[in-house]
Amino acid sequence: MKLYYSPGACSQNPHIALHESGLPFETDRIDNRAKKTSDGSDFLAINPKGQVPTLVLDDGQVLTENAAIVQYIADKANGANLAPAAGTLERYRLQEWLSFVGSEMHKSYGNLFNPNAPADMKDAAKALIVRKIAVVDQALADGRDYLLGSFSVADSYAFVVISWTKRFDIDISHLANVTRFMERMRARPAVQKTLAAEGLA
């Protein structure tokens, strides 16, 4: 498998999942603005959506979209316990969290990534992001270490999106459960390997 990624982007989630999985894989760093691969090839020829993450499977098929990619990785590495078994209620809980992180948390950063967004829109986005992350904080309030109790690919996605708060100077220090969660995630060897590989250690 080959993962096309951009450092610090949401593609960091499957990058972490691949390190957690123990599966063999390659990576290729994308120039997001130029839409070029590391050797200068046209990234749009690989993924017409022009977005990371993109995973090229061993048979040459291309898989896109974060939730689909990390569940594929988890199922291929079924001994790594990255996702509950398909068909179980816990698997749907995983999908529930992947959907929440992707559609509610991730997308809430849109105006912050837009250099032309006015200040009041950016302030509103920051307030919304804190409210969304507070949902994660509440989910961890019963003393659980991870969103499903044990680690899953939903945790790595939440970790990546929450880590963007530092980039945009969003204060979430009052969310004690999330603070402990982020520390726990940073201590995972797979996370440390990914951050090092992306030049973010």
C-alpha atoms as a PDB file:
ATOM      1  CA  MET A   1       0.000   0.000   0.000  1.00  0.00           C
ATOM      2  CA  LYS A   2       1.025   3.573  -0.564  1.00  0.00           C
ATOM      3  CA  LEU A   3      -0.338   6.512   1.418  1.00  0.00           C
ATOM      4  CA  TYR A   4      -0.305   9.936  -0.167  1.00  0.00           C
ATOM      5  CA  TYR A   5      -0.199  12.520   2.615  1.00  0.00           C
ATOM      6  CA  SER A   6       0.563  16.094   3.553  1.00  0.00           C
ATOM      7  CA  PRO A   7       2.329  16.780   6.876  1.00  0.00           C
ATOM      8  CA  GLY A   8      -0.061  17.687   9.661  1.00  0.00           C
ATOM      9  CA  ALA A   9      -3.139  17.323   7.475  1.00  0.00           C
ATOM     10  CA  CYS A  10      -5.987  14.915   8.182  1.00  0.00           C
ATOM     11  CA  SER A  11      -3.971  12.276   6.307  1.00  0.00           C
ATOM     12  CA  GLN A  12      -2.024  11.983   9.536  1.00  0.00           C
ATOM     13  CA  ASN A  13      -4.883   9.791  10.791  1.00  0.00           C
ATOM     14  CA  PRO A  14      -4.307   6.888   8.344  1.00  0.00           C
ATOM     15  CA  HIS A  15      -0.567   7.471   8.677  1.00  0.00           C
ATOM     16  CA  ILE A  16      -0.904   6.744  12.406  1.00  0.00           C
ATOM     17  CA  ALA A  17      -3.233   3.817  11.681  1.00  0.00           C
ATOM     18  CA  LEU A  18      -0.683   2.274   9.318  1.00  0.00           C
ATOM     19  CA  HIS A  19       2.027   2.524  11.962  1.00  0.00           C
ATOM     20  CA  GLU A  20      -0.376   0.992  14.489  1.00  0.00           C
ATOM     21  CA  SER A  21      -1.315  -1.797  12.070  1.00  0.00           C
ATOM     22  CA  GLY A  22       2.103  -3.349  11.510  1.00  0.00           C
ATOM     23  CA  LEU A  23       1.246  -3.681   7.802  1.00  0.00           C
ATOM     24  CA  PRO A  24       3.908  -2.896   5.194  1.00  0.00           C
ATOM     25  CA  PHE A  25       3.353   0.454   3.481  1.00  0.00           C
ATOM     26  CA  GLU A  26       5.014   3.276   1.596  1.00  0.00           C
ATOM     27  CA  THR A  27       4.309   6.992   1.741  1.00  0.00           C
ATOM     28  CA  ASP A  28       4.477   9.851  -0.722  1.00  0.00           C
ATOM     29  CA  ARG A  29       4.381  13.470   0.399  1.00  0.00           C
ATOM     30  CA  ILE A  30       2.062  15.660  -1.663  1.00  0.00           C
ATOM     31  CA  ASP A  31       2.532  19.300  -2.528  1.00  0.00           C
ATOM     32  CA  ASN A  32      -1.059  20.340  -1.839  1.00  0.00           C
ATOM     33  CA  ARG A  33      -0.878  23.640  -3.675  1.00  0.00           C
ATOM     34  CA  ALA A  34       0.765  22.322  -6.829  1.00  0.00           C
ATOM     35  CA  LYS A  35      -1.043  18.959  -6.625  1.00  0.00           C
ATOM     36  CA  LYS A  36       2.224  17.159  -7.300  1.00  0.00           C
ATOM     37  CA  THR A  37       3.706  13.997  -5.822  1.00  0.00           C
ATOM     38  CA  SER A  38       7.239  13.919  -4.456  1.00  0.00           C
ATOM     39  CA  ASP A  39       8.639  13.045  -7.898  1.00  0.00           C
ATOM     40  CA  GLY A  40       6.673  15.830  -9.614  1.00  0.00           C
ATOM     41  CA  SER A  41       3.905  13.626 -10.995  1.00  0.00           C
ATOM     42  CA  ASP A  42       0.354  14.889 -11.300  1.00  0.00           C
ATOM     43  CA  PHE A  43      -1.474  13.959  -8.103  1.00  0.00           C
ATOM     44  CA  LEU A  44      -4.828  14.592  -9.796  1.00  0.00           C
ATOM     45  CA  ALA A  45      -4.098  11.654 -12.090  1.00  0.00           C
ATOM     46  CA  ILE A  46      -4.042   9.453  -8.979  1.00  0.00           C
ATOM     47  CA  ASN A  47      -6.947  11.084  -7.137  1.00  0.00           C
ATOM     48  CA  PRO A  48      -9.084  13.481  -9.195  1.00  0.00           C
ATOM     49  CA  LYS A  49     -10.488  14.874  -5.929  1.00  0.00           C
ATOM     50  CA  GLY A  50      -7.012  16.300  -5.320  1.00  0.00           C
ATOM     51  CA  GLN A  51      -7.162  15.604  -1.596  1.00  0.00           C
ATOM     52  CA  VAL A  52      -5.244  13.652   0.973  1.00  0.00           C
ATOM     53  CA  PRO A  53      -5.422  11.071   2.335  1.00  0.00           C
ATOM     54  CA  THR A  54      -5.287   8.825  -0.692  1.00  0.00           C
ATOM     55  CA  LEU A  55      -4.394   5.164  -0.366  1.00  0.00           C
ATOM     56  CA  VAL A  56      -3.275   3.068  -3.334  1.00  0.00           C
ATOM     57  CA  LEU A  57      -3.935  -0.573  -2.584  1.00  0.00           C
ATOM     58  CA  ASP A  58      -1.627  -3.445  -3.444  1.00  0.00           C
ATOM     59  CA  ASP A  59      -3.722  -4.278  -6.527  1.00  0.00           C
ATOM     60  CA  GLY A  60      -3.564  -0.681  -7.762  1.00  0.00           C
ATOM     61  CA  GLN A  61      -7.053   0.392  -6.740  1.00  0.00           C
ATOM     62  CA  VAL A  62      -7.358   3.831  -5.166  1.00  0.00           C
ATOM     63  CA  LEU A  63      -9.242   4.433  -1.927  1.00  0.00           C
ATOM     64  CA  THR A  64     -10.094   7.935  -0.718  1.00  0.00           C
ATOM     65  CA  GLU A  65     -11.840   9.560   2.267  1.00  0.00           C
ATOM     66  CA  ASN A  66     -10.516   9.301   5.793  1.00  0.00           C
ATOM     67  CA  ALA A  67     -13.201   7.130   7.377  1.00  0.00           C
ATOM     68  CA  ALA A  68     -13.098   4.585   4.550  1.00  0.00           C
ATOM     69  CA  ILE A  69      -9.300   4.395   4.498  1.00  0.00           C
ATOM     70  CA  VAL A  70      -8.800   3.874   8.226  1.00  0.00           C
ATOM     71  CA  GLN A  71     -11.498   1.206   8.398  1.00  0.00           C
ATOM     72  CA  TYR A  72      -9.856  -0.588   5.477  1.00  0.00           C
ATOM     73  CA  ILE A  73      -6.507  -0.480   7.290  1.00  0.00           C
ATOM     74  CA  ALA A  74      -8.127  -1.707  10.511  1.00  0.00           C
ATOM     75  CA  ASP A  75      -9.805  -4.636   8.742  1.00  0.00           C
ATOM     76  CA  LYS A  76      -6.614  -5.598   6.907  1.00  0.00           C
ATOM     77  CA  ALA A  77      -4.798  -5.622  10.262  1.00  0.00           C
ATOM     78  CA  ASN A  78      -7.525  -7.409  12.198  1.00  0.00           C
ATOM     79  CA  GLY A  79      -5.037  -8.594  14.814  1.00  0.00           C
ATOM     80  CA  ALA A  80      -4.096  -5.021  15.698  1.00  0.00           C
ATOM     81  CA  ASN A  81      -7.510  -4.250  17.239  1.00  0.00           C
ATOM     82  CA  LEU A  82      -7.880  -0.895  15.503  1.00  0.00           C
ATOM     83  CA  ALA A  83     -11.634  -1.256  15.015  1.00  0.00           C
ATOM     84  CA  PRO A  84     -14.430  -3.387  16.460  1.00  0.00           C
ATOM     85  CA  ALA A  85     -15.635  -6.300  14.334  1.00  0.00           C
ATOM     86  CA  ALA A  86     -17.859  -5.471  11.372  1.00  0.00           C
ATOM     87  CA  GLY A  87     -21.542  -5.868  12.085  1.00  0.00           C
ATOM     88  CA  THR A  88     -21.287  -5.223  15.810  1.00  0.00           C
ATOM     89  CA  LEU A  89     -22.873  -2.232  17.518  1.00  0.00           C
ATOM     90  CA  GLU A  90     -19.406  -1.114  18.571  1.00  0.00           C
ATOM     91  CA  ARG A  91     -18.418  -0.910  14.880  1.00  0.00           C
ATOM     92  CA  TYR A  92     -21.304   1.480  14.335  1.00  0.00           C
ATOM     93  CA  ARG A  93     -20.125   3.456  17.361  1.00  0.00           C
ATOM     94  CA  LEU A  94     -16.755   3.748  15.622  1.00  0.00           C
ATOM     95  CA  GLN A  95     -18.469   5.007  12.468  1.00  0.00           C
ATOM     96  CA  GLU A  96     -20.483   7.405  14.596  1.00  0.00           C
ATOM     97  CA  TRP A  97     -17.284   8.937  15.977  1.00  0.00           C
ATOM     98  CA  LEU A  98     -15.543   8.986  12.595  1.00  0.00           C
ATOM     99  CA  SER A  99     -18.543  10.841  11.177  1.00  0.00           C
ATOM    100  CA  PHE A 100     -18.619  13.317  14.055  1.00  0.00           C
ATOM    101  CA  VAL A 101     -14.906  14.087  13.846  1.00  0.00           C
ATOM    102  CA  GLY A 102     -15.054  14.400  10.060  1.00  0.00           C
ATOM    103  CA  SER A 103     -18.272  16.324   9.542  1.00  0.00           C
ATOM    104  CA  GLU A 104     -18.520  18.321  12.756  1.00  0.00           C
ATOM    105  CA  MET A 105     -15.003  18.874  14.109  1.00  0.00           C
ATOM    106  CA  HIS A 106     -12.857  18.763  10.964  1.00  0.00           C
ATOM    107  CA  LYS A 107     -15.177  20.880   8.819  1.00  0.00           C
ATOM    108  CA  SER A 108     -15.525  23.486  11.578  1.00  0.00           C
ATOM    109  CA  TYR A 109     -11.960  24.623  10.782  1.00  0.00           C
ATOM    110  CA  GLY A 110     -12.964  25.684   7.254  1.00  0.00           C
ATOM    111  CA  ASN A 111     -12.962  29.443   7.844  1.00  0.00           C
ATOM    112  CA  LEU A 112      -9.676  29.235   9.733  1.00  0.00           C
ATOM    113  CA  PHE A 113      -7.977  27.700   6.705  1.00  0.00           C
ATOM    114  CA  ASN A 114      -9.486  30.426   4.495  1.00  0.00           C
ATOM    115  CA  PRO A 115      -7.158  33.455   4.453  1.00  0.00           C
ATOM    116  CA  ASN A 116      -9.990  35.628   3.112  1.00  0.00           C
ATOM    117  CA  ALA A 117     -12.456  34.873   5.920  1.00  0.00           C
ATOM    118  CA  PRO A 118     -13.207  37.977   8.034  1.00  0.00           C
ATOM    119  CA  ALA A 119     -12.154  38.106  11.671  1.00  0.00           C
ATOM    120  CA  ASP A 120     -15.672  37.682  13.043  1.00  0.00           C
ATOM    121  CA  MET A 121     -16.135  34.477  11.042  1.00  0.00           C
ATOM    122  CA  LYS A 122     -12.821  33.163  12.341  1.00  0.00           C
ATOM    123  CA  ASP A 123     -13.831  33.981  15.914  1.00  0.00           C
ATOM    124  CA  ALA A 124     -17.145  32.188  15.423  1.00  0.00           C
ATOM    125  CA  ALA A 125     -15.318  29.165  14.009  1.00  0.00           C
ATOM    126  CA  LYS A 126     -13.001  29.012  17.021  1.00  0.00           C
ATOM    127  CA  ALA A 127     -15.938  29.110  19.428  1.00  0.00           C
ATOM    128  CA  LEU A 128     -17.689  26.366  17.471  1.00  0.00           C
ATOM    129  CA  ILE A 129     -14.557  24.199  17.490  1.00  0.00           C
ATOM    130  CA  VAL A 130     -14.300  24.467  21.281  1.00  0.00           C
ATOM    131  CA  ARG A 131     -17.940  23.380  21.590  1.00  0.00           C
ATOM    132  CA  LYS A 132     -17.345  20.385  19.333  1.00  0.00           C
ATOM    133  CA  ILE A 133     -14.206  19.330  21.206  1.00  0.00           C
ATOM    134  CA  ALA A 134     -16.164  19.647  24.444  1.00  0.00           C
ATOM    135  CA  VAL A 135     -18.314  16.759  23.166  1.00  0.00           C
ATOM    136  CA  VAL A 136     -15.185  14.603  23.096  1.00  0.00           C
ATOM    137  CA  ASP A 137     -14.278  15.824  26.566  1.00  0.00           C
ATOM    138  CA  GLN A 138     -17.697  14.768  27.860  1.00  0.00           C
ATOM    139  CA  ALA A 139     -17.380  11.350  26.209  1.00  0.00           C
ATOM    140  CA  LEU A 140     -14.144  10.815  28.122  1.00  0.00           C
ATOM    141  CA  ALA A 141     -15.606  12.045  31.414  1.00  0.00           C
ATOM    142  CA  ASP A 142     -16.337   8.558  32.741  1.00  0.00           C
ATOM    143  CA  GLY A 143     -12.638   7.836  33.043  1.00  0.00           C
ATOM    144  CA  ARG A 144     -12.242   5.984  29.763  1.00  0.00           C
ATOM    145  CA  ASP A 145      -8.907   6.360  28.028  1.00  0.00           C
ATOM    146  CA  TYR A 146     -10.262   6.369  24.482  1.00  0.00           C
ATOM    147  CA  LEU A 147     -13.543   7.117  22.712  1.00  0.00           C
ATOM    148  CA  LEU A 148     -14.630   3.474  22.546  1.00  0.00           C
ATOM    149  CA  GLY A 149     -12.865   2.511  25.746  1.00  0.00           C
ATOM    150  CA  SER A 150      -9.899   0.932  23.965  1.00  0.00           C
ATOM    151  CA  PHE A 151      -7.885   2.567  21.187  1.00  0.00           C
ATOM    152  CA  SER A 152      -9.414   2.748  17.715  1.00  0.00           C
ATOM    153  CA  VAL A 153      -8.893   4.664  14.482  1.00  0.00           C
ATOM    154  CA  ALA A 154     -11.466   7.197  15.731  1.00  0.00           C
ATOM    155  CA  ASP A 155      -8.974   8.265  18.386  1.00  0.00           C
ATOM    156  CA  SER A 156      -6.224   8.998  15.895  1.00  0.00           C
ATOM    157  CA  TYR A 157      -8.628  11.108  13.805  1.00  0.00           C
ATOM    158  CA  ALA A 158      -9.755  13.040  16.901  1.00  0.00           C
ATOM    159  CA  PHE A 159      -6.119  13.517  17.921  1.00  0.00           C
ATOM    160  CA  VAL A 160      -5.176  15.030  14.566  1.00  0.00           C
ATOM    161  CA  VAL A 161      -8.114  17.424  14.402  1.00  0.00           C
ATOM    162  CA  ILE A 162      -7.776  18.518  18.031  1.00  0.00           C
ATOM    163  CA  SER A 163      -4.048  19.121  17.520  1.00  0.00           C
ATOM    164  CA  TRP A 164      -4.919  21.860  15.011  1.00  0.00           C
ATOM    165  CA  THR A 165      -6.080  24.036  17.926  1.00  0.00           C
ATOM    166  CA  LYS A 166      -2.435  24.903  18.590  1.00  0.00           C
ATOM    167  CA  ARG A 167      -1.962  26.098  15.020  1.00  0.00           C
ATOM    168  CA  PHE A 168      -4.879  28.498  15.375  1.00  0.00           C
ATOM    169  CA  ASP A 169      -4.273  29.479  19.007  1.00  0.00           C
ATOM    170  CA  ILE A 170      -7.533  27.996  20.299  1.00  0.00           C
ATOM    171  CA  ASP A 171      -7.532  27.538  24.056  1.00  0.00           C
ATOM    172  CA  ILE A 172      -8.897  24.161  25.166  1.00  0.00           C
ATOM    173  CA  SER A 173      -6.875  23.944  28.385  1.00  0.00           C
ATOM    174  CA  HIS A 174     -10.092  23.894  30.429  1.00  0.00           C
ATOM    175  CA  LEU A 175     -11.049  20.560  28.827  1.00  0.00           C
ATOM    176  CA  ALA A 176      -9.147  18.334  31.248  1.00  0.00           C
ATOM    177  CA  ASN A 177     -10.243  15.002  29.784  1.00  0.00           C
ATOM    178  CA  VAL A 178      -9.176  16.045  26.298  1.00  0.00           C
ATOM    179  CA  THR A 179      -5.856  17.321  27.654  1.00  0.00           C
ATOM    180  CA  ARG A 180      -5.149  13.900  29.176  1.00  0.00           C
ATOM    181  CA  PHE A 181      -6.326  12.186  25.993  1.00  0.00           C
ATOM    182  CA  MET A 182      -3.915  14.215  23.858  1.00  0.00           C
ATOM    183  CA  GLU A 183      -1.030  13.396  26.196  1.00  0.00           C
ATOM    184  CA  ARG A 184      -1.969   9.721  26.054  1.00  0.00           C
ATOM    185  CA  MET A 185      -2.082   9.805  22.271  1.00  0.00           C
ATOM    186  CA  ARG A 186       1.275  11.589  21.937  1.00  0.00           C
ATOM    187  CA  ALA A 187       2.850   8.846  24.048  1.00  0.00           C
ATOM    188  CA  ARG A 188       1.798   6.113  21.619  1.00  0.00           C
ATOM    189  CA  PRO A 189       4.799   4.836  19.607  1.00  0.00           C
ATOM    190  CA  ALA A 190       2.804   4.906  16.352  1.00  0.00           C
ATOM    191  CA  VAL A 191       1.981   8.576  16.877  1.00  0.00           C
ATOM    192  CA  GLN A 192       5.611   9.381  17.632  1.00  0.00           C
ATOM    193  CA  LYS A 193       6.730   7.518  14.486  1.00  0.00           C
ATOM    194  CA  THR A 194       4.192   9.386  12.378  1.00  0.00           C
ATOM    195  CA  LEU A 195       5.124  12.795  13.718  1.00  0.00           C
ATOM    196  CA  ALA A 196       8.795  12.036  13.102  1.00  0.00           C
ATOM    197  CA  ALA A 197       8.103  10.788   9.579  1.00  0.00           C
ATOM    198  CA  GLU A 198       6.131  13.966   8.794  1.00  0.00           C
ATOM    199  CA  GLY A 199       8.828  16.219  10.273  1.00  0.00           C
ATOM    200  CA  LEU A 200       6.587  17.315  13.130  1.00  0.00           C
ATOM    201  CA  ALA A 201       8.204  15.607  16.109  1.00  0.00           C
END
